[in-house]
């Protein structure tokens, strides 16, 4: 085999590996987000719990409530991509979005003048 043929085969092999890696990176976040759930729960005292990457909505919500660790904890938001909670004067509103920025914007739109207290993404 000549040096030119070796280089050509190596270049073709490298191109195939790069194309496969690019495709895997492009498709992986979408597939993972569609198959995973997360949730954020809050107590009236401002304590919170969150979960992400759970196989079911119920499991994500139960984990968020459990990690909040107060009897009055309630789920404010459940998501498949990202979730965020806005806070203002002991009031809390949850939001969701395809990415963190969208989730934050959604939460803040429900509580004008608030700030993002916590967030989570799958």
PDB file of N, CA and C in Angstrom:
ATOM      1  N   UNK A   1       0.853  -1.158   0.000  1.00  0.00           N
ATOM      2  CA  UNK A   1       0.000   0.000   0.000  1.00  0.00           C
ATOM      3  C   UNK A   1       0.905   1.229   0.000  1.00  0.00           C
ATOM      4  N   UNK A   2       0.571   2.194  -0.825  1.00  0.00           N
ATOM      5  CA  UNK A   2       1.393   3.401  -0.911  1.00  0.00           C
ATOM      6  C   UNK A   2       1.029   4.364   0.211  1.00  0.00           C
ATOM      7  N   UNK A   3       1.907   5.301   0.421  1.00  0.00           N
ATOM      8  CA  UNK A   3       1.670   6.311   1.458  1.00  0.00           C
ATOM      9  C   UNK A   3       0.425   7.127   1.145  1.00  0.00           C
ATOM     10  N   UNK A   4       0.203   7.431  -0.116  1.00  0.00           N
ATOM     11  CA  UNK A   4      -0.980   8.198  -0.517  1.00  0.00           C
ATOM     12  C   UNK A   4      -2.258   7.431  -0.196  1.00  0.00           C
ATOM     13  N   UNK A   5      -2.279   6.137  -0.489  1.00  0.00           N
ATOM     14  CA  UNK A   5      -3.464   5.323  -0.182  1.00  0.00           C
ATOM     15  C   UNK A   5      -3.707   5.244   1.321  1.00  0.00           C
ATOM     16  N   UNK A   6      -2.634   5.095   2.081  1.00  0.00           N
ATOM     17  CA  UNK A   6      -2.770   5.045   3.538  1.00  0.00           C
ATOM     18  C   UNK A   6      -3.372   6.343   4.070  1.00  0.00           C
ATOM     19  N   UNK A   7      -2.858   7.454   3.586  1.00  0.00           N
ATOM     20  CA  UNK A   7      -3.362   8.760   4.029  1.00  0.00           C
ATOM     21  C   UNK A   7      -4.832   8.930   3.648  1.00  0.00           C
ATOM     22  N   UNK A   8      -5.179   8.508   2.452  1.00  0.00           N
ATOM     23  CA  UNK A   8      -6.563   8.629   1.988  1.00  0.00           C
ATOM     24  C   UNK A   8      -7.482   7.779   2.867  1.00  0.00           C
ATOM     25  N   UNK A   9      -7.086   6.536   3.152  1.00  0.00           N
ATOM     26  CA  UNK A   9      -7.911   5.665   4.001  1.00  0.00           C
ATOM     27  C   UNK A   9      -8.032   6.225   5.413  1.00  0.00           C
ATOM     28  N   UNK A  10      -6.944   6.747   5.929  1.00  0.00           N
ATOM     29  CA  UNK A  10      -6.967   7.342   7.259  1.00  0.00           C
ATOM     30  C   UNK A  10      -7.884   8.564   7.289  1.00  0.00           C
ATOM     31  N   UNK A  11      -7.830   9.380   6.259  1.00  0.00           N
ATOM     32  CA  UNK A  11      -8.692  10.565   6.190  1.00  0.00           C
ATOM     33  C   UNK A  11     -10.162  10.170   6.110  1.00  0.00           C
ATOM     34  N   UNK A  12     -10.481   9.160   5.325  1.00  0.00           N
ATOM     35  CA  UNK A  12     -11.868   8.691   5.208  1.00  0.00           C
ATOM     36  C   UNK A  12     -12.348   8.120   6.544  1.00  0.00           C
ATOM     37  N   UNK A  13     -11.510   7.332   7.199  1.00  0.00           N
ATOM     38  CA  UNK A  13     -11.883   6.760   8.497  1.00  0.00           C
ATOM     39  C   UNK A  13     -12.099   7.863   9.530  1.00  0.00           C
ATOM     40  N   UNK A  14     -11.225   8.846   9.550  1.00  0.00           N
ATOM     41  CA  UNK A  14     -11.368   9.960  10.495  1.00  0.00           C
ATOM     42  C   UNK A  14     -12.645  10.744  10.218  1.00  0.00           C
ATOM     43  N   UNK A  15     -12.983  10.934   8.960  1.00  0.00           N
ATOM     44  CA  UNK A  15     -14.218  11.645   8.604  1.00  0.00           C
ATOM     45  C   UNK A  15     -15.445  10.881   9.077  1.00  0.00           C
ATOM     46  N   UNK A  16     -15.429   9.551   8.943  1.00  0.00           N
ATOM     47  CA  UNK A  16     -16.562   8.743   9.413  1.00  0.00           C
ATOM     48  C   UNK A  16     -16.713   8.821  10.934  1.00  0.00           C
ATOM     49  N   UNK A  17     -15.601   8.752  11.640  1.00  0.00           N
ATOM     50  CA  UNK A  17     -15.650   8.846  13.101  1.00  0.00           C
ATOM     51  C   UNK A  17     -16.177  10.221  13.519  1.00  0.00           C
ATOM     52  N   UNK A  18     -15.699  11.275  12.884  1.00  0.00           N
ATOM     53  CA  UNK A  18     -16.149  12.628  13.217  1.00  0.00           C
ATOM     54  C   UNK A  18     -17.638  12.799  12.926  1.00  0.00           C
ATOM     55  N   UNK A  19     -18.099  12.272  11.810  1.00  0.00           N
ATOM     56  CA  UNK A  19     -19.522  12.376  11.463  1.00  0.00           C
ATOM     57  C   UNK A  19     -20.384  11.614  12.461  1.00  0.00           C
ATOM     58  N   UNK A  20     -19.960  10.435  12.851  1.00  0.00           N
ATOM     59  CA  UNK A  20     -20.720   9.642  13.826  1.00  0.00           C
ATOM     60  C   UNK A  20     -20.760  10.345  15.179  1.00  0.00           C
ATOM     61  N   UNK A  21     -19.643  10.918  15.596  1.00  0.00           N
ATOM     62  CA  UNK A  21     -19.597  11.630  16.877  1.00  0.00           C
ATOM     63  C   UNK A  21     -20.499  12.860  16.846  1.00  0.00           C
ATOM     64  N   UNK A  22     -20.461  13.602  15.751  1.00  0.00           N
ATOM     65  CA  UNK A  22     -21.314  14.786  15.629  1.00  0.00           C
ATOM     66  C   UNK A  22     -22.786  14.410  15.671  1.00  0.00           C
ATOM     67  N   UNK A  23     -23.151  13.338  15.007  1.00  0.00           N
ATOM     68  CA  UNK A  23     -24.540  12.880  15.014  1.00  0.00           C
ATOM     69  C   UNK A  23     -24.960  12.445  16.410  1.00  0.00           C
ATOM     70  N   UNK A  24     -24.110  11.742  17.109  1.00  0.00           N
ATOM     71  CA  UNK A  24     -24.430  11.285  18.467  1.00  0.00           C
ATOM     72  C   UNK A  24     -24.600  12.468  19.412  1.00  0.00           C
ATOM     73  N   UNK A  25     -23.743  13.461  19.302  1.00  0.00           N
ATOM     74  CA  UNK A  25     -23.837  14.642  20.161  1.00  0.00           C
ATOM     75  C   UNK A  25     -25.104  15.423  19.850  1.00  0.00           C
ATOM     76  N   UNK A  26     -25.450  15.527  18.581  1.00  0.00           N
ATOM     77  CA  UNK A  26     -26.643  16.263  18.180  1.00  0.00           C
ATOM     78  C   UNK A  26     -27.910  15.583  18.665  1.00  0.00           C
ATOM     79  N   UNK A  27     -27.991  14.278  18.569  1.00  0.00           N
ATOM     80  CA  UNK A  27     -29.213  13.561  18.914  1.00  0.00           C
ATOM     81  C   UNK A  27     -29.337  13.230  20.394  1.00  0.00           C
ATOM     82  N   UNK A  28     -28.264  13.069  21.113  1.00  0.00           N
ATOM     83  CA  UNK A  28     -28.316  12.616  22.504  1.00  0.00           C
ATOM     84  C   UNK A  28     -29.111  13.530  23.431  1.00  0.00           C
ATOM     85  N   UNK A  29     -28.919  14.866  23.435  1.00  0.00           N
ATOM     86  CA  UNK A  29     -29.679  15.680  24.369  1.00  0.00           C
ATOM     87  C   UNK A  29     -31.187  15.600  24.150  1.00  0.00           C
ATOM     88  N   UNK A  30     -31.634  15.538  22.924  1.00  0.00           N
ATOM     89  CA  UNK A  30     -33.058  15.454  22.639  1.00  0.00           C
ATOM     90  C   UNK A  30     -33.624  14.142  23.148  1.00  0.00           C
ATOM     91  N   UNK A  31     -32.942  13.051  22.893  1.00  0.00           N
ATOM     92  CA  UNK A  31     -33.427  11.747  23.338  1.00  0.00           C
ATOM     93  C   UNK A  31     -33.460  11.670  24.855  1.00  0.00           C
ATOM     94  N   UNK A  32     -32.425  12.168  25.522  1.00  0.00           N
ATOM     95  CA  UNK A  32     -32.378  12.112  26.979  1.00  0.00           C
ATOM     96  C   UNK A  32     -33.471  12.973  27.589  1.00  0.00           C
ATOM     97  N   UNK A  33     -33.694  14.163  27.037  1.00  0.00           N
ATOM     98  CA  UNK A  33     -34.703  15.056  27.596  1.00  0.00           C
ATOM     99  C   UNK A  33     -36.098  14.457  27.475  1.00  0.00           C
ATOM    100  N   UNK A  34     -36.399  13.800  26.384  1.00  0.00           N
ATOM    101  CA  UNK A  34     -37.726  13.229  26.177  1.00  0.00           C
ATOM    102  C   UNK A  34     -37.975  12.037  27.095  1.00  0.00           C
ATOM    103  N   UNK A  35     -36.933  11.375  27.542  1.00  0.00           N
ATOM    104  CA  UNK A  35     -37.075  10.178  28.359  1.00  0.00           C
ATOM    105  C   UNK A  35     -36.861  10.428  29.846  1.00  0.00           C
ATOM    106  N   UNK A  36     -36.627  11.661  30.247  1.00  0.00           N
ATOM    107  CA  UNK A  36     -36.322  11.971  31.636  1.00  0.00           C
ATOM    108  C   UNK A  36     -37.246  13.061  32.169  1.00  0.00           C
ATOM    109  N   UNK A  37     -37.520  12.960  33.463  1.00  0.00           N
ATOM    110  CA  UNK A  37     -38.353  13.961  34.127  1.00  0.00           C
ATOM    111  C   UNK A  37     -37.603  14.545  35.304  1.00  0.00           C
ATOM    112  N   UNK A  38     -37.929  15.773  35.608  1.00  0.00           N
ATOM    113  CA  UNK A  38     -37.405  16.433  36.784  1.00  0.00           C
ATOM    114  C   UNK A  38     -38.519  17.222  37.437  1.00  0.00           C
ATOM    115  N   UNK A  39     -38.305  17.637  38.680  1.00  0.00           N
ATOM    116  CA  UNK A  39     -39.311  18.410  39.404  1.00  0.00           C
ATOM    117  C   UNK A  39     -38.636  19.271  40.460  1.00  0.00           C
ATOM    118  N   UNK A  40     -39.344  20.333  40.848  1.00  0.00           N
ATOM    119  CA  UNK A  40     -38.892  21.198  41.936  1.00  0.00           C
ATOM    120  C   UNK A  40     -40.074  21.385  42.878  1.00  0.00           C
ATOM    121  N   UNK A  41     -39.836  21.129  44.162  1.00  0.00           N
ATOM    122  CA  UNK A  41     -40.872  21.277  45.188  1.00  0.00           C
ATOM    123  C   UNK A  41     -40.437  22.340  46.193  1.00  0.00           C
ATOM    124  N   UNK A  42     -41.407  23.037  46.753  1.00  0.00           N
ATOM    125  CA  UNK A  42     -41.137  24.096  47.732  1.00  0.00           C
ATOM    126  C   UNK A  42     -42.011  23.956  48.959  1.00  0.00           C
ATOM    127  N   UNK A  43     -41.463  24.425  50.083  1.00  0.00           N
ATOM    128  CA  UNK A  43     -42.193  24.572  51.337  1.00  0.00           C
ATOM    129  C   UNK A  43     -42.513  26.061  51.505  1.00  0.00           C
ATOM    130  N   UNK A  44     -43.508  26.380  52.306  1.00  0.00           N
ATOM    131  CA  UNK A  44     -43.862  27.777  52.568  1.00  0.00           C
ATOM    132  C   UNK A  44     -42.709  28.545  53.208  1.00  0.00           C
ATOM    133  N   UNK A  45     -41.788  27.835  53.872  1.00  0.00           N
ATOM    134  CA  UNK A  45     -40.657  28.509  54.519  1.00  0.00           C
ATOM    135  C   UNK A  45     -39.489  28.762  53.560  1.00  0.00           C
ATOM    136  N   UNK A  46     -39.650  28.396  52.286  1.00  0.00           N
ATOM    137  CA  UNK A  46     -38.608  28.637  51.288  1.00  0.00           C
ATOM    138  C   UNK A  46     -37.662  27.477  51.065  1.00  0.00           C
ATOM    139  N   UNK A  47     -37.790  26.429  51.833  1.00  0.00           N
ATOM    140  CA  UNK A  47     -36.968  25.234  51.593  1.00  0.00           C
ATOM    141  C   UNK A  47     -37.428  24.582  50.298  1.00  0.00           C
ATOM    142  N   UNK A  48     -36.498  23.991  49.588  1.00  0.00           N
ATOM    143  CA  UNK A  48     -36.858  23.358  48.320  1.00  0.00           C
ATOM    144  C   UNK A  48     -36.129  22.042  48.143  1.00  0.00           C
ATOM    145  N   UNK A  49     -36.654  21.269  47.234  1.00  0.00           N
ATOM    146  CA  UNK A  49     -36.025  20.017  46.825  1.00  0.00           C
ATOM    147  C   UNK A  49     -36.176  19.887  45.328  1.00  0.00           C
ATOM    148  N   UNK A  50     -35.212  19.280  44.687  1.00  0.00           N
ATOM    149  CA  UNK A  50     -35.305  19.111  43.237  1.00  0.00           C
ATOM    150  C   UNK A  50     -34.844  17.727  42.835  1.00  0.00           C
ATOM    151  N   UNK A  51     -35.242  17.373  41.644  1.00  0.00           N
ATOM    152  CA  UNK A  51     -34.841  16.087  41.074  1.00  0.00           C
ATOM    153  C   UNK A  51     -34.631  16.289  39.584  1.00  0.00           C
ATOM    154  N   UNK A  52     -33.867  15.403  38.996  1.00  0.00           N
ATOM    155  CA  UNK A  52     -33.697  15.425  37.539  1.00  0.00           C
ATOM    156  C   UNK A  52     -33.291  14.039  37.071  1.00  0.00           C
ATOM    157  N   UNK A  53     -33.569  13.781  35.811  1.00  0.00           N
ATOM    158  CA  UNK A  53     -33.186  12.519  35.153  1.00  0.00           C
ATOM    159  C   UNK A  53     -33.889  11.296  35.737  1.00  0.00           C
ATOM    160  N   UNK A  54     -35.157  11.434  36.085  1.00  0.00           N
ATOM    161  CA  UNK A  54     -35.948  10.292  36.554  1.00  0.00           C
ATOM    162  C   UNK A  54     -36.768   9.725  35.403  1.00  0.00           C
ATOM    163  N   UNK A  55     -37.025   8.427  35.404  1.00  0.00           N
ATOM    164  CA  UNK A  55     -37.722   7.801  34.274  1.00  0.00           C
ATOM    165  C   UNK A  55     -39.216   8.120  34.207  1.00  0.00           C
ATOM    166  N   UNK A  56     -39.811   8.543  35.331  1.00  0.00           N
ATOM    167  CA  UNK A  56     -41.241   8.870  35.324  1.00  0.00           C
ATOM    168  C   UNK A  56     -41.479  10.201  36.030  1.00  0.00           C
ATOM    169  N   UNK A  57     -42.584  10.838  35.657  1.00  0.00           N
ATOM    170  CA  UNK A  57     -42.989  12.088  36.289  1.00  0.00           C
ATOM    171  C   UNK A  57     -43.233  11.866  37.787  1.00  0.00           C
ATOM    172  N   UNK A  58     -43.927  10.784  38.122  1.00  0.00           N
ATOM    173  CA  UNK A  58     -44.241  10.488  39.524  1.00  0.00           C
ATOM    174  C   UNK A  58     -42.973  10.321  40.361  1.00  0.00           C
ATOM    175  N   UNK A  59     -41.979   9.631  39.836  1.00  0.00           N
ATOM    176  CA  UNK A  59     -40.726   9.429  40.571  1.00  0.00           C
ATOM    177  C   UNK A  59     -39.988  10.749  40.768  1.00  0.00           C
ATOM    178  N   UNK A  60     -39.983  11.588  39.744  1.00  0.00           N
ATOM    179  CA  UNK A  60     -39.322  12.891  39.857  1.00  0.00           C
ATOM    180  C   UNK A  60     -40.006  13.750  40.913  1.00  0.00           C
ATOM    181  N   UNK A  61     -41.334  13.782  40.893  1.00  0.00           N
ATOM    182  CA  UNK A  61     -42.075  14.587  41.860  1.00  0.00           C
ATOM    183  C   UNK A  61     -41.887  14.067  43.287  1.00  0.00           C
ATOM    184  N   UNK A  62     -41.959  12.757  43.463  1.00  0.00           N
ATOM    185  CA  UNK A  62     -41.784  12.170  44.800  1.00  0.00           C
ATOM    186  C   UNK A  62     -40.397  12.477  45.356  1.00  0.00           C
ATOM    187  N   UNK A  63     -39.382  12.402  44.520  1.00  0.00           N
ATOM    188  CA  UNK A  63     -38.017  12.683  44.963  1.00  0.00           C
ATOM    189  C   UNK A  63     -37.851  14.151  45.336  1.00  0.00           C
ATOM    190  N   UNK A  64     -38.427  15.050  44.543  1.00  0.00           N
ATOM    191  CA  UNK A  64     -38.334  16.480  44.855  1.00  0.00           C
ATOM    192  C   UNK A  64     -39.001  16.789  46.192  1.00  0.00           C
ATOM    193  N   UNK A  65     -40.184  16.232  46.423  1.00  0.00           N
ATOM    194  CA  UNK A  65     -40.895  16.457  47.687  1.00  0.00           C
ATOM    195  C   UNK A  65     -40.096  15.875  48.853  1.00  0.00           C
ATOM    196  N   UNK A  66     -39.572  14.680  48.678  1.00  0.00           N
ATOM    197  CA  UNK A  66     -38.796  14.040  49.749  1.00  0.00           C
ATOM    198  C   UNK A  66     -37.540  14.845  50.078  1.00  0.00           C
ATOM    199  N   UNK A  67     -36.849  15.346  49.058  1.00  0.00           N
ATOM    200  CA  UNK A  67     -35.617  16.093  49.321  1.00  0.00           C
ATOM    201  C   UNK A  67     -35.903  17.495  49.862  1.00  0.00           C
ATOM    202  N   UNK A  68     -37.113  17.981  49.701  1.00  0.00           N
ATOM    203  CA  UNK A  68     -37.521  19.250  50.301  1.00  0.00           C
ATOM    204  C   UNK A  68     -37.588  19.111  51.823  1.00  0.00           C
ATOM    205  N   UNK A  69     -38.058  17.961  52.279  1.00  0.00           N
ATOM    206  CA  UNK A  69     -37.975  17.542  53.689  1.00  0.00           C
ATOM    207  C   UNK A  69     -38.869  18.287  54.679  1.00  0.00           C
ATOM    208  N   UNK A  70     -39.918  18.926  54.218  1.00  0.00           N
ATOM    209  CA  UNK A  70     -40.897  19.536  55.123  1.00  0.00           C
ATOM    210  C   UNK A  70     -42.276  18.996  54.774  1.00  0.00           C
ATOM    211  N   UNK A  71     -43.157  18.858  55.764  1.00  0.00           N
ATOM    212  CA  UNK A  71     -44.472  18.253  55.505  1.00  0.00           C
ATOM    213  C   UNK A  71     -45.337  19.035  54.516  1.00  0.00           C
ATOM    214  N   UNK A  72     -45.104  20.346  54.401  1.00  0.00           N
ATOM    215  CA  UNK A  72     -45.933  21.150  53.502  1.00  0.00           C
ATOM    216  C   UNK A  72     -45.332  21.321  52.102  1.00  0.00           C
ATOM    217  N   UNK A  73     -44.272  20.593  51.772  1.00  0.00           N
ATOM    218  CA  UNK A  73     -43.642  20.716  50.452  1.00  0.00           C
ATOM    219  C   UNK A  73     -44.617  20.288  49.359  1.00  0.00           C
ATOM    220  N   UNK A  74     -44.668  21.119  48.312  1.00  0.00           N
ATOM    221  CA  UNK A  74     -45.528  20.832  47.166  1.00  0.00           C
ATOM    222  C   UNK A  74     -44.731  21.044  45.883  1.00  0.00           C
ATOM    223  N   UNK A  75     -45.032  20.246  44.878  1.00  0.00           N
ATOM    224  CA  UNK A  75     -44.363  20.376  43.585  1.00  0.00           C
ATOM    225  C   UNK A  75     -44.840  21.662  42.911  1.00  0.00           C
ATOM    226  N   UNK A  76     -43.891  22.513  42.521  1.00  0.00           N
ATOM    227  CA  UNK A  76     -44.223  23.741  41.800  1.00  0.00           C
ATOM    228  C   UNK A  76     -44.086  23.577  40.302  1.00  0.00           C
ATOM    229  N   UNK A  77     -43.159  22.732  39.888  1.00  0.00           N
ATOM    230  CA  UNK A  77     -42.973  22.538  38.454  1.00  0.00           C
ATOM    231  C   UNK A  77     -42.388  21.160  38.183  1.00  0.00           C
ATOM    232  N   UNK A  78     -42.843  20.579  37.094  1.00  0.00           N
ATOM    233  CA  UNK A  78     -42.325  19.306  36.594  1.00  0.00           C
ATOM    234  C   UNK A  78     -41.904  19.553  35.154  1.00  0.00           C
ATOM    235  N   UNK A  79     -40.792  18.964  34.734  1.00  0.00           N
ATOM    236  CA  UNK A  79     -40.249  19.280  33.415  1.00  0.00           C
ATOM    237  C   UNK A  79     -39.580  18.070  32.776  1.00  0.00           C
ATOM    238  N   UNK A  80     -39.414  18.160  31.464  1.00  0.00           N
ATOM    239  CA  UNK A  80     -38.639  17.158  30.735  1.00  0.00           C
ATOM    240  C   UNK A  80     -37.323  17.745  30.232  1.00  0.00           C
ATOM    241  N   UNK A  81     -37.216  19.054  30.150  1.00  0.00           N
ATOM    242  CA  UNK A  81     -35.970  19.696  29.730  1.00  0.00           C
ATOM    243  C   UNK A  81     -35.389  20.477  30.909  1.00  0.00           C
ATOM    244  N   UNK A  82     -35.952  21.660  31.190  1.00  0.00           N
ATOM    245  CA  UNK A  82     -35.478  22.478  32.308  1.00  0.00           C
ATOM    246  C   UNK A  82     -36.654  23.072  33.076  1.00  0.00           C
ATOM    247  N   UNK A  83     -36.428  23.306  34.360  1.00  0.00           N
ATOM    248  CA  UNK A  83     -37.408  23.962  35.214  1.00  0.00           C
ATOM    249  C   UNK A  83     -36.712  24.977  36.092  1.00  0.00           C
ATOM    250  N   UNK A  84     -37.445  26.027  36.469  1.00  0.00           N
ATOM    251  CA  UNK A  84     -36.893  27.066  37.331  1.00  0.00           C
ATOM    252  C   UNK A  84     -37.999  27.577  38.242  1.00  0.00           C
ATOM    253  N   UNK A  85     -37.603  28.156  39.366  1.00  0.00           N
ATOM    254  CA  UNK A  85     -38.565  28.740  40.295  1.00  0.00           C
ATOM    255  C   UNK A  85     -38.159  30.180  40.577  1.00  0.00           C
ATOM    256  N   UNK A  86     -39.122  31.091  40.390  1.00  0.00           N
ATOM    257  CA  UNK A  86     -38.935  32.496  40.724  1.00  0.00           C
ATOM    258  C   UNK A  86     -39.478  32.728  42.129  1.00  0.00           C
ATOM    259  N   UNK A  87     -38.826  33.621  42.867  1.00  0.00           N
ATOM    260  CA  UNK A  87     -39.238  33.935  44.234  1.00  0.00           C
ATOM    261  C   UNK A  87     -39.347  35.441  44.414  1.00  0.00           C
ATOM    262  N   UNK A  88     -40.308  35.830  45.274  1.00  0.00           N
ATOM    263  CA  UNK A  88     -40.466  37.239  45.640  1.00  0.00           C
ATOM    264  C   UNK A  88     -41.342  37.293  46.884  1.00  0.00           C
ATOM    265  N   UNK A  89     -40.817  37.857  47.955  1.00  0.00           N
ATOM    266  CA  UNK A  89     -41.593  38.039  49.188  1.00  0.00           C
ATOM    267  C   UNK A  89     -42.308  36.765  49.633  1.00  0.00           C
ATOM    268  N   UNK A  90     -41.613  35.679  49.723  1.00  0.00           N
ATOM    269  CA  UNK A  90     -42.157  34.377  50.162  1.00  0.00           C
ATOM    270  C   UNK A  90     -43.243  33.832  49.244  1.00  0.00           C
ATOM    271  N   UNK A  91     -43.233  34.264  47.992  1.00  0.00           N
ATOM    272  CA  UNK A  91     -44.117  33.694  46.971  1.00  0.00           C
ATOM    273  C   UNK A  91     -43.214  33.016  45.947  1.00  0.00           C
ATOM    274  N   UNK A  92     -43.648  31.879  45.434  1.00  0.00           N
ATOM    275  CA  UNK A  92     -42.825  31.090  44.519  1.00  0.00           C
ATOM    276  C   UNK A  92     -43.663  30.640  43.334  1.00  0.00           C
ATOM    277  N   UNK A  93     -43.088  30.775  42.128  1.00  0.00           N
ATOM    278  CA  UNK A  93     -43.765  30.342  40.905  1.00  0.00           C
ATOM    279  C   UNK A  93     -42.787  29.538  40.059  1.00  0.00           C
ATOM    280  N   UNK A  94     -43.255  28.415  39.546  1.00  0.00           N
ATOM    281  CA  UNK A  94     -42.413  27.558  38.725  1.00  0.00           C
ATOM    282  C   UNK A  94     -42.626  27.799  37.245  1.00  0.00           C
ATOM    283  N   UNK A  95     -41.590  27.517  36.469  1.00  0.00           N
ATOM    284  CA  UNK A  95     -41.663  27.629  35.018  1.00  0.00           C
ATOM    285  C   UNK A  95     -40.857  26.523  34.368  1.00  0.00           C
ATOM    286  N   UNK A  96     -41.138  26.282  33.106  1.00  0.00           N
ATOM    287  CA  UNK A  96     -40.423  25.254  32.343  1.00  0.00           C
ATOM    288  C   UNK A  96     -39.986  25.824  31.001  1.00  0.00           C
ATOM    289  N   UNK A  97     -39.047  25.133  30.363  1.00  0.00           N
ATOM    290  CA  UNK A  97     -38.600  25.550  29.047  1.00  0.00           C
ATOM    291  C   UNK A  97     -37.699  24.515  28.417  1.00  0.00           C
ATOM    292  N   UNK A  98     -37.460  24.706  27.141  1.00  0.00           N
ATOM    293  CA  UNK A  98     -36.604  23.794  26.387  1.00  0.00           C
ATOM    294  C   UNK A  98     -35.147  23.893  26.818  1.00  0.00           C
ATOM    295  N   UNK A  99     -34.767  25.024  27.415  1.00  0.00           N
ATOM    296  CA  UNK A  99     -33.422  25.204  27.955  1.00  0.00           C
ATOM    297  C   UNK A  99     -33.531  26.056  29.217  1.00  0.00           C
ATOM    298  N   UNK A 100     -32.422  26.267  29.899  1.00  0.00           N
ATOM    299  CA  UNK A 100     -32.445  26.984  31.173  1.00  0.00           C
ATOM    300  C   UNK A 100     -32.949  28.410  31.008  1.00  0.00           C
ATOM    301  N   UNK A 101     -32.505  29.089  29.979  1.00  0.00           N
ATOM    302  CA  UNK A 101     -32.933  30.466  29.752  1.00  0.00           C
ATOM    303  C   UNK A 101     -34.449  30.555  29.586  1.00  0.00           C
ATOM    304  N   UNK A 102     -35.025  29.649  28.815  1.00  0.00           N
ATOM    305  CA  UNK A 102     -36.475  29.644  28.597  1.00  0.00           C
ATOM    306  C   UNK A 102     -37.228  29.327  29.887  1.00  0.00           C
ATOM    307  N   UNK A 103     -36.715  28.404  30.688  1.00  0.00           N
ATOM    308  CA  UNK A 103     -37.362  28.057  31.959  1.00  0.00           C
ATOM    309  C   UNK A 103     -37.329  29.243  32.923  1.00  0.00           C
ATOM    310  N   UNK A 104     -36.209  29.929  32.984  1.00  0.00           N
ATOM    311  CA  UNK A 104     -36.105  31.100  33.854  1.00  0.00           C
ATOM    312  C   UNK A 104     -37.067  32.195  33.406  1.00  0.00           C
ATOM    313  N   UNK A 105     -37.117  32.431  32.113  1.00  0.00           N
ATOM    314  CA  UNK A 105     -38.016  33.450  31.562  1.00  0.00           C
ATOM    315  C   UNK A 105     -39.469  33.107  31.883  1.00  0.00           C
ATOM    316  N   UNK A 106     -39.840  31.836  31.751  1.00  0.00           N
ATOM    317  CA  UNK A 106     -41.202  31.398  32.044  1.00  0.00           C
ATOM    318  C   UNK A 106     -41.539  31.631  33.518  1.00  0.00           C
ATOM    319  N   UNK A 107     -40.643  31.256  34.411  1.00  0.00           N
ATOM    320  CA  UNK A 107     -40.889  31.444  35.848  1.00  0.00           C
ATOM    321  C   UNK A 107     -41.004  32.925  36.198  1.00  0.00           C
ATOM    322  N   UNK A 108     -40.103  33.742  35.677  1.00  0.00           N
ATOM    323  CA  UNK A 108     -40.125  35.175  35.976  1.00  0.00           C
ATOM    324  C   UNK A 108     -41.357  35.863  35.398  1.00  0.00           C
ATOM    325  N   UNK A 109     -41.882  35.349  34.289  1.00  0.00           N
ATOM    326  CA  UNK A 109     -43.090  35.950  33.706  1.00  0.00           C
ATOM    327  C   UNK A 109     -44.305  35.737  34.604  1.00  0.00           C
ATOM    328  N   UNK A 110     -44.250  34.737  35.460  1.00  0.00           N
ATOM    329  CA  UNK A 110     -45.358  34.441  36.375  1.00  0.00           C
ATOM    330  C   UNK A 110     -45.242  35.197  37.698  1.00  0.00           C
ATOM    331  N   UNK A 111     -44.083  35.825  37.924  1.00  0.00           N
ATOM    332  CA  UNK A 111     -43.852  36.549  39.172  1.00  0.00           C
ATOM    333  C   UNK A 111     -43.013  37.797  38.875  1.00  0.00           C
ATOM    334  N   UNK A 112     -43.642  38.827  38.295  1.00  0.00           N
ATOM    335  CA  UNK A 112     -42.899  40.045  37.937  1.00  0.00           C
ATOM    336  C   UNK A 112     -42.164  40.638  39.144  1.00  0.00           C
ATOM    337  N   UNK A 113     -40.938  41.041  38.922  1.00  0.00           N
ATOM    338  CA  UNK A 113     -40.117  41.608  39.982  1.00  0.00           C
ATOM    339  C   UNK A 113     -39.414  40.557  40.827  1.00  0.00           C
ATOM    340  N   UNK A 114     -39.627  39.290  40.503  1.00  0.00           N
ATOM    341  CA  UNK A 114     -39.005  38.211  41.259  1.00  0.00           C
ATOM    342  C   UNK A 114     -37.593  37.918  40.775  1.00  0.00           C
ATOM    343  N   UNK A 115     -36.986  36.941  41.396  1.00  0.00           N
ATOM    344  CA  UNK A 115     -35.648  36.490  41.015  1.00  0.00           C
ATOM    345  C   UNK A 115     -35.662  34.962  40.973  1.00  0.00           C
ATOM    346  N   UNK A 116     -34.712  34.387  40.258  1.00  0.00           N
ATOM    347  CA  UNK A 116     -34.633  32.928  40.173  1.00  0.00           C
ATOM    348  C   UNK A 116     -33.981  32.402  41.448  1.00  0.00           C
ATOM    349  N   UNK A 117     -34.727  31.550  42.155  1.00  0.00           N
ATOM    350  CA  UNK A 117     -34.245  30.994  43.418  1.00  0.00           C
ATOM    351  C   UNK A 117     -33.528  29.661  43.216  1.00  0.00           C
ATOM    352  N   UNK A 118     -34.043  28.827  42.321  1.00  0.00           N
ATOM    353  CA  UNK A 118     -33.379  27.559  42.010  1.00  0.00           C
ATOM    354  C   UNK A 118     -33.827  27.088  40.637  1.00  0.00           C
ATOM    355  N   UNK A 119     -33.095  26.114  40.105  1.00  0.00           N
ATOM    356  CA  UNK A 119     -33.407  25.568  38.785  1.00  0.00           C
ATOM    357  C   UNK A 119     -32.808  24.177  38.684  1.00  0.00           C
ATOM    358  N   UNK A 120     -33.238  23.455  37.660  1.00  0.00           N
ATOM    359  CA  UNK A 120     -32.667  22.134  37.358  1.00  0.00           C
ATOM    360  C   UNK A 120     -32.955  21.810  35.900  1.00  0.00           C
ATOM    361  N   UNK A 121     -32.074  21.044  35.296  1.00  0.00           N
ATOM    362  CA  UNK A 121     -32.255  20.587  33.913  1.00  0.00           C
ATOM    363  C   UNK A 121     -31.909  19.106  33.821  1.00  0.00           C
ATOM    364  N   UNK A 122     -32.539  18.425  32.895  1.00  0.00           N
ATOM    365  CA  UNK A 122     -32.224  17.023  32.620  1.00  0.00           C
ATOM    366  C   UNK A 122     -31.054  16.947  31.675  1.00  0.00           C
TER     367      UNK A 122
END
